[in-house]
Amino acid sequence: MSEIIINPASGSIGAEIGGVDLSVDLSDAVFSEIRQTFIEHGLIFFRNQELTPDDHLRFAKRWGDININRFFFKSRGS
């Protein structure tokens, strides 16, 4: 596993997280660090991720229950 890299995006809000592949099932330790970064910075960015709809859902479910919006069509491949 590579080391997580956290770069603050600006003086007031946000951080970019690198060294993480969101297409795999993350360990509890890695997700805990991601969550803590969100708490500290209020907004997080991940660049150059190639996620399938299932990958995206798996990562989203780590944050809590998902509220599916029934007013929008599903994207292709989901």
Protein backbone atom coordinates (compact mmCIF):
# COMPACT_ATOMS: atom_id res chain seq x y z
CA MET A 1 0.00 0.00 0.00
CA SER A 2 1.33 3.45 -0.80
CA GLU A 3 1.43 6.26 1.67
CA ILE A 4 -1.49 8.68 1.68
CA ILE A 5 -0.48 12.18 0.61
CA ILE A 6 -2.55 15.12 1.86
CA ASN A 7 -2.12 18.54 0.28
CA PRO A 8 -4.27 21.43 1.55
CA ALA A 9 -6.07 23.02 -1.42
CA SER A 10 -6.25 26.56 -0.02
CA GLY A 11 -5.91 28.47 3.19
CA SER A 12 -9.55 28.09 4.11
CA ILE A 13 -11.06 24.86 2.78
CA GLY A 14 -10.31 21.61 1.04
CA ALA A 15 -7.51 19.10 0.62
CA GLU A 16 -6.34 16.88 -2.21
CA ILE A 17 -5.66 13.27 -1.24
CA GLY A 18 -3.16 11.28 -3.28
CA GLY A 19 -1.62 7.84 -2.99
CA VAL A 20 -5.06 6.21 -2.71
CA ASP A 21 -6.78 3.95 -5.25
CA LEU A 22 -10.53 4.26 -4.66
CA SER A 23 -11.26 1.37 -7.05
CA VAL A 24 -10.16 -1.15 -4.40
CA ASP A 25 -11.67 -2.00 -1.03
CA LEU A 26 -9.83 0.32 1.37
CA SER A 27 -8.58 -0.85 4.76
CA ASP A 28 -10.23 0.63 7.84
CA ALA A 29 -6.99 2.49 8.63
CA VAL A 30 -6.84 4.14 5.20
CA PHE A 31 -10.52 5.07 5.26
CA SER A 32 -10.12 6.47 8.77
CA GLU A 33 -7.36 8.77 7.51
CA ILE A 34 -9.56 9.88 4.59
CA ARG A 35 -12.47 10.58 6.96
CA GLN A 36 -10.22 12.54 9.34
CA THR A 37 -8.92 14.62 6.44
CA PHE A 38 -12.51 15.43 5.48
CA ILE A 39 -13.30 16.45 9.07
CA GLU A 40 -10.25 18.70 9.24
CA HIS A 41 -10.56 20.30 5.78
CA GLY A 42 -14.31 20.17 5.03
CA LEU A 43 -13.83 19.11 1.40
CA ILE A 44 -11.59 16.48 -0.21
CA PHE A 45 -10.45 15.87 -3.79
CA PHE A 46 -9.13 12.70 -5.43
CA ARG A 47 -7.53 13.13 -8.85
CA ASN A 48 -7.18 10.60 -11.66
CA GLN A 49 -9.46 7.92 -10.24
CA GLU A 50 -11.04 5.38 -12.59
CA LEU A 51 -14.12 4.12 -10.81
CA THR A 52 -16.86 1.83 -12.01
CA PRO A 53 -20.36 2.51 -10.67
CA ASP A 54 -19.82 -0.40 -8.23
CA ASP A 55 -16.50 1.09 -7.05
CA HIS A 56 -18.21 4.43 -6.48
CA LEU A 57 -21.02 2.83 -4.48
CA ARG A 58 -18.59 0.79 -2.36
CA PHE A 59 -16.67 3.95 -1.44
CA ALA A 60 -19.86 5.97 -0.84
CA LYS A 61 -21.28 3.29 1.49
CA ARG A 62 -18.24 3.68 3.75
CA TRP A 63 -19.58 7.14 4.63
CA GLY A 64 -23.06 5.91 5.61
CA ASP A 65 -26.44 5.08 4.16
CA ILE A 66 -27.02 6.14 0.58
CA ASN A 67 -30.12 8.12 -0.32
CA ILE A 68 -30.86 7.27 -3.94
CA ASN A 69 -32.46 10.16 -5.80
CA ARG A 70 -35.40 8.67 -7.71
CA PHE A 71 -35.81 11.77 -9.93
CA PHE A 72 -32.73 11.19 -12.07
CA PHE A 73 -32.02 8.40 -14.53
CA LYS A 74 -29.26 5.93 -13.78
CA SER A 75 -26.03 6.48 -15.66
CA ARG A 76 -24.99 4.00 -18.29
CA GLY A 77 -23.24 0.99 -16.79
CA SER A 78 -24.95 1.24 -13.40
